[in-house]
Amino acid sequence: MTTMKEQYPELDQLFWAYFNEDFDLSGDTIEEIAACYRRDVDVDRIVRACAEMNRFMDHHASNAEAEFARRWGSFDPKLWGYTVASFFDELKRMFTN
């Protein structure tokens, strides 16, 4: 059986290492934090993170906000003006442009 932590390892890394209470070490805006992540990891990890975002939304479309908060509660996309879906879309756009 897959544990909660094993389901989204790239997203776990992204949120626990970059979008945490010390996010300002990576940047002051979503764009700056995303750019820092892009600089720090290889393309394969970015591809996996984007795939995990898609899989998360496929599995949790009806409860994405609650499930996101349960998993990565130290970061709240609503405080930045996003839903989980729109935040993931924005990250994927930043990661692939």
N, C-alpha and C. Protein backbone atom coordinates (compact mmCIF):
# COMPACT_ATOMS: atom_id res chain seq x y z
N MET A 1 0.83 -1.18 0.00
CA MET A 1 0.00 0.00 0.00
C MET A 1 0.89 1.25 0.00
N THR A 2 0.52 2.23 -0.79
CA THR A 2 1.27 3.48 -0.88
C THR A 2 0.85 4.40 0.27
N THR A 3 1.84 4.92 0.97
CA THR A 3 1.53 5.85 2.05
C THR A 3 1.27 7.24 1.48
N MET A 4 0.67 8.10 2.30
CA MET A 4 0.36 9.45 1.86
C MET A 4 1.63 10.15 1.37
N LYS A 5 2.73 9.99 2.07
CA LYS A 5 3.97 10.67 1.71
C LYS A 5 4.53 10.17 0.38
N GLU A 6 4.32 8.90 0.07
CA GLU A 6 4.87 8.33 -1.16
C GLU A 6 4.05 8.67 -2.40
N GLN A 7 2.84 9.17 -2.23
CA GLN A 7 1.98 9.43 -3.38
C GLN A 7 2.46 10.59 -4.24
N TYR A 8 3.02 11.61 -3.62
CA TYR A 8 3.42 12.82 -4.34
C TYR A 8 4.80 13.29 -3.86
N PRO A 9 5.84 12.50 -4.10
CA PRO A 9 7.16 12.85 -3.54
C PRO A 9 7.72 14.17 -4.07
N GLU A 10 7.51 14.49 -5.33
CA GLU A 10 8.03 15.76 -5.86
C GLU A 10 7.27 16.94 -5.28
N LEU A 11 5.96 16.80 -5.14
CA LEU A 11 5.19 17.89 -4.53
C LEU A 11 5.54 18.04 -3.06
N ASP A 12 5.78 16.92 -2.38
CA ASP A 12 6.22 17.01 -0.99
C ASP A 12 7.50 17.84 -0.91
N GLN A 13 8.46 17.55 -1.77
CA GLN A 13 9.71 18.30 -1.79
C GLN A 13 9.46 19.77 -2.11
N LEU A 14 8.64 20.02 -3.11
CA LEU A 14 8.35 21.40 -3.52
C LEU A 14 7.74 22.20 -2.37
N PHE A 15 6.74 21.63 -1.72
CA PHE A 15 6.05 22.39 -0.67
C PHE A 15 6.81 22.43 0.65
N TRP A 16 7.46 21.35 1.03
CA TRP A 16 8.18 21.37 2.30
C TRP A 16 9.49 22.13 2.20
N ALA A 17 10.10 22.17 1.01
CA ALA A 17 11.40 22.84 0.88
C ALA A 17 11.30 24.28 0.36
N TYR A 18 10.28 24.59 -0.44
CA TYR A 18 10.22 25.91 -1.07
C TYR A 18 9.02 26.74 -0.61
N PHE A 19 7.86 26.15 -0.51
CA PHE A 19 6.66 26.87 -0.11
C PHE A 19 6.34 26.55 1.35
N ASN A 20 7.25 26.88 2.22
CA ASN A 20 7.08 26.61 3.65
C ASN A 20 7.13 27.93 4.41
N GLU A 21 7.19 27.86 5.71
CA GLU A 21 7.19 29.10 6.51
C GLU A 21 8.43 29.96 6.25
N ASP A 22 9.47 29.38 5.67
CA ASP A 22 10.68 30.13 5.33
C ASP A 22 10.77 30.39 3.83
N PHE A 23 9.61 30.48 3.17
CA PHE A 23 9.59 30.63 1.71
C PHE A 23 10.42 31.82 1.24
N ASP A 24 10.52 32.84 2.07
CA ASP A 24 11.24 34.05 1.65
C ASP A 24 12.73 33.80 1.39
N LEU A 25 13.23 32.65 1.82
CA LEU A 25 14.61 32.29 1.48
C LEU A 25 14.73 31.95 -0.01
N SER A 26 13.60 31.55 -0.62
CA SER A 26 13.57 31.21 -2.04
C SER A 26 13.07 32.36 -2.90
N GLY A 27 12.33 33.28 -2.30
CA GLY A 27 11.80 34.42 -3.04
C GLY A 27 10.63 35.05 -2.32
N ASP A 28 10.23 36.21 -2.80
CA ASP A 28 9.12 36.93 -2.18
C ASP A 28 7.81 36.77 -2.92
N THR A 29 7.86 36.23 -4.12
CA THR A 29 6.65 36.03 -4.92
C THR A 29 6.60 34.58 -5.39
N ILE A 30 5.43 34.18 -5.85
CA ILE A 30 5.29 32.83 -6.41
C ILE A 30 6.27 32.65 -7.57
N GLU A 31 6.39 33.67 -8.41
CA GLU A 31 7.28 33.60 -9.57
C GLU A 31 8.73 33.39 -9.13
N GLU A 32 9.16 34.12 -8.11
CA GLU A 32 10.54 33.98 -7.64
C GLU A 32 10.79 32.62 -7.01
N ILE A 33 9.82 32.13 -6.25
CA ILE A 33 9.97 30.81 -5.63
C ILE A 33 10.00 29.72 -6.70
N ALA A 34 9.11 29.82 -7.68
CA ALA A 34 9.10 28.85 -8.78
C ALA A 34 10.40 28.89 -9.57
N ALA A 35 10.93 30.08 -9.79
CA ALA A 35 12.21 30.21 -10.50
C ALA A 35 13.35 29.58 -9.71
N CYS A 36 13.33 29.74 -8.40
CA CYS A 36 14.35 29.13 -7.54
C CYS A 36 14.28 27.61 -7.65
N TYR A 37 13.07 27.06 -7.59
CA TYR A 37 12.88 25.61 -7.73
C TYR A 37 13.41 25.15 -9.09
N ARG A 38 13.07 25.86 -10.14
CA ARG A 38 13.54 25.50 -11.49
C ARG A 38 15.06 25.49 -11.57
N ARG A 39 15.70 26.44 -10.91
CA ARG A 39 17.18 26.49 -10.92
C ARG A 39 17.79 25.33 -10.14
N ASP A 40 17.11 24.91 -9.07
CA ASP A 40 17.68 23.92 -8.16
C ASP A 40 17.51 22.47 -8.59
N VAL A 41 16.49 22.18 -9.38
CA VAL A 41 16.21 20.78 -9.72
C VAL A 41 16.37 20.55 -11.22
N ASP A 42 16.54 19.28 -11.59
CA ASP A 42 16.68 18.97 -13.01
C ASP A 42 15.31 18.87 -13.67
N VAL A 43 15.32 18.87 -14.98
CA VAL A 43 14.09 18.88 -15.77
C VAL A 43 13.21 17.67 -15.47
N ASP A 44 13.81 16.51 -15.24
CA ASP A 44 13.02 15.32 -14.95
C ASP A 44 12.18 15.51 -13.69
N ARG A 45 12.71 16.16 -12.70
CA ARG A 45 11.95 16.40 -11.46
C ARG A 45 10.82 17.38 -11.70
N ILE A 46 11.05 18.37 -12.54
CA ILE A 46 9.98 19.31 -12.88
C ILE A 46 8.86 18.58 -13.61
N VAL A 47 9.21 17.72 -14.54
CA VAL A 47 8.22 16.93 -15.27
C VAL A 47 7.41 16.07 -14.29
N ARG A 48 8.11 15.43 -13.36
CA ARG A 48 7.41 14.60 -12.36
C ARG A 48 6.51 15.44 -11.47
N ALA A 49 6.96 16.62 -11.07
CA ALA A 49 6.13 17.50 -10.23
C ALA A 49 4.87 17.90 -10.98
N CYS A 50 4.99 18.24 -12.24
CA CYS A 50 3.82 18.62 -13.03
C CYS A 50 2.87 17.44 -13.19
N ALA A 51 3.41 16.25 -13.41
CA ALA A 51 2.57 15.06 -13.50
C ALA A 51 1.85 14.78 -12.18
N GLU A 52 2.55 15.00 -11.07
CA GLU A 52 1.92 14.80 -9.76
C GLU A 52 0.80 15.82 -9.52
N MET A 53 0.98 17.05 -9.99
CA MET A 53 -0.10 18.04 -9.88
C MET A 53 -1.32 17.57 -10.64
N ASN A 54 -1.11 17.06 -11.86
CA ASN A 54 -2.22 16.55 -12.65
C ASN A 54 -2.89 15.37 -11.96
N ARG A 55 -2.10 14.46 -11.44
CA ARG A 55 -2.65 13.29 -10.76
C ARG A 55 -3.41 13.69 -9.49
N PHE A 56 -2.86 14.64 -8.75
CA PHE A 56 -3.53 15.12 -7.55
C PHE A 56 -4.92 15.66 -7.91
N MET A 57 -4.98 16.49 -8.94
CA MET A 57 -6.27 17.07 -9.34
C MET A 57 -7.21 16.00 -9.88
N ASP A 58 -6.70 15.01 -10.59
CA ASP A 58 -7.54 13.90 -11.06
C ASP A 58 -8.16 13.15 -9.89
N HIS A 59 -7.38 12.94 -8.85
CA HIS A 59 -7.85 12.16 -7.70
C HIS A 59 -8.65 12.97 -6.70
N HIS A 60 -8.43 14.28 -6.65
CA HIS A 60 -9.03 15.10 -5.59
C HIS A 60 -9.77 16.31 -6.11
N ALA A 61 -10.31 16.23 -7.31
CA ALA A 61 -10.98 17.40 -7.89
C ALA A 61 -12.12 17.91 -7.00
N SER A 62 -12.83 17.02 -6.37
CA SER A 62 -13.98 17.44 -5.57
C SER A 62 -13.60 17.94 -4.18
N ASN A 63 -12.39 17.64 -3.73
CA ASN A 63 -11.97 18.07 -2.40
C ASN A 63 -10.52 18.57 -2.39
N ALA A 64 -10.12 19.21 -3.48
CA ALA A 64 -8.71 19.62 -3.64
C ALA A 64 -8.24 20.55 -2.53
N GLU A 65 -9.08 21.50 -2.14
CA GLU A 65 -8.66 22.48 -1.12
C GLU A 65 -8.39 21.77 0.21
N ALA A 66 -9.31 20.91 0.62
CA ALA A 66 -9.17 20.21 1.90
C ALA A 66 -8.00 19.23 1.87
N GLU A 67 -7.84 18.51 0.77
CA GLU A 67 -6.75 17.54 0.67
C GLU A 67 -5.40 18.24 0.61
N PHE A 68 -5.32 19.33 -0.10
CA PHE A 68 -4.09 20.10 -0.16
C PHE A 68 -3.72 20.59 1.25
N ALA A 69 -4.70 21.13 1.96
CA ALA A 69 -4.44 21.63 3.33
C ALA A 69 -3.99 20.51 4.24
N ARG A 70 -4.57 19.34 4.09
CA ARG A 70 -4.20 18.20 4.93
C ARG A 70 -2.76 17.77 4.67
N ARG A 71 -2.34 17.80 3.42
CA ARG A 71 -1.00 17.35 3.06
C ARG A 71 0.07 18.42 3.25
N TRP A 72 -0.23 19.63 2.81
CA TRP A 72 0.79 20.69 2.77
C TRP A 72 0.27 21.95 3.44
N GLY A 73 -0.32 21.80 4.60
CA GLY A 73 -1.02 22.87 5.29
C GLY A 73 -0.20 24.09 5.65
N SER A 74 1.11 24.01 5.60
CA SER A 74 1.90 25.19 5.94
C SER A 74 1.83 26.25 4.84
N PHE A 75 1.36 25.87 3.66
CA PHE A 75 1.19 26.81 2.55
C PHE A 75 -0.27 26.81 2.13
N ASP A 76 -0.87 27.99 1.98
CA ASP A 76 -2.27 28.11 1.59
C ASP A 76 -2.37 28.95 0.32
N PRO A 77 -2.67 28.32 -0.82
CA PRO A 77 -2.76 29.09 -2.07
C PRO A 77 -3.79 30.22 -2.00
N LYS A 78 -4.83 30.07 -1.19
CA LYS A 78 -5.85 31.12 -1.09
C LYS A 78 -5.25 32.44 -0.61
N LEU A 79 -4.25 32.37 0.25
CA LEU A 79 -3.63 33.59 0.76
C LEU A 79 -2.89 34.35 -0.34
N TRP A 80 -2.62 33.67 -1.44
CA TRP A 80 -1.92 34.28 -2.57
C TRP A 80 -2.89 34.56 -3.73
N GLY A 81 -4.19 34.32 -3.49
CA GLY A 81 -5.20 34.61 -4.51
C GLY A 81 -5.50 33.47 -5.46
N TYR A 82 -5.17 32.23 -5.07
CA TYR A 82 -5.37 31.08 -5.94
C TYR A 82 -6.28 30.04 -5.29
N THR A 83 -6.93 29.25 -6.13
CA THR A 83 -7.45 27.96 -5.70
C THR A 83 -6.32 26.97 -5.89
N VAL A 84 -6.48 25.76 -5.41
CA VAL A 84 -5.44 24.75 -5.65
C VAL A 84 -5.28 24.53 -7.15
N ALA A 85 -6.39 24.39 -7.86
CA ALA A 85 -6.32 24.14 -9.31
C ALA A 85 -5.62 25.29 -10.03
N SER A 86 -5.98 26.52 -9.72
CA SER A 86 -5.35 27.65 -10.42
C SER A 86 -3.88 27.81 -10.01
N PHE A 87 -3.55 27.48 -8.77
CA PHE A 87 -2.17 27.52 -8.33
C PHE A 87 -1.32 26.49 -9.08
N PHE A 88 -1.84 25.27 -9.18
CA PHE A 88 -1.12 24.24 -9.93
C PHE A 88 -0.96 24.66 -11.40
N ASP A 89 -2.03 25.20 -11.99
CA ASP A 89 -1.93 25.66 -13.39
C ASP A 89 -0.85 26.72 -13.53
N GLU A 90 -0.79 27.65 -12.59
CA GLU A 90 0.22 28.71 -12.64
C GLU A 90 1.62 28.14 -12.47
N LEU A 91 1.81 27.23 -11.53
CA LEU A 91 3.12 26.62 -11.35
C LEU A 91 3.55 25.87 -12.62
N LYS A 92 2.65 25.09 -13.19
CA LYS A 92 2.99 24.34 -14.40
C LYS A 92 3.38 25.30 -15.52
N ARG A 93 2.68 26.41 -15.64
CA ARG A 93 3.02 27.41 -16.65
C ARG A 93 4.43 27.97 -16.39
N MET A 94 4.71 28.31 -15.14
CA MET A 94 6.03 28.86 -14.80
C MET A 94 7.15 27.84 -14.98
N PHE A 95 6.85 26.60 -14.69
CA PHE A 95 7.87 25.55 -14.79
C PHE A 95 8.20 25.21 -16.24
N THR A 96 7.26 25.42 -17.14
CA THR A 96 7.47 24.96 -18.52
C THR A 96 7.75 26.11 -19.48
N ASN A 97 7.73 27.33 -19.02
CA ASN A 97 8.05 28.48 -19.90
C ASN A 97 9.48 28.92 -19.73
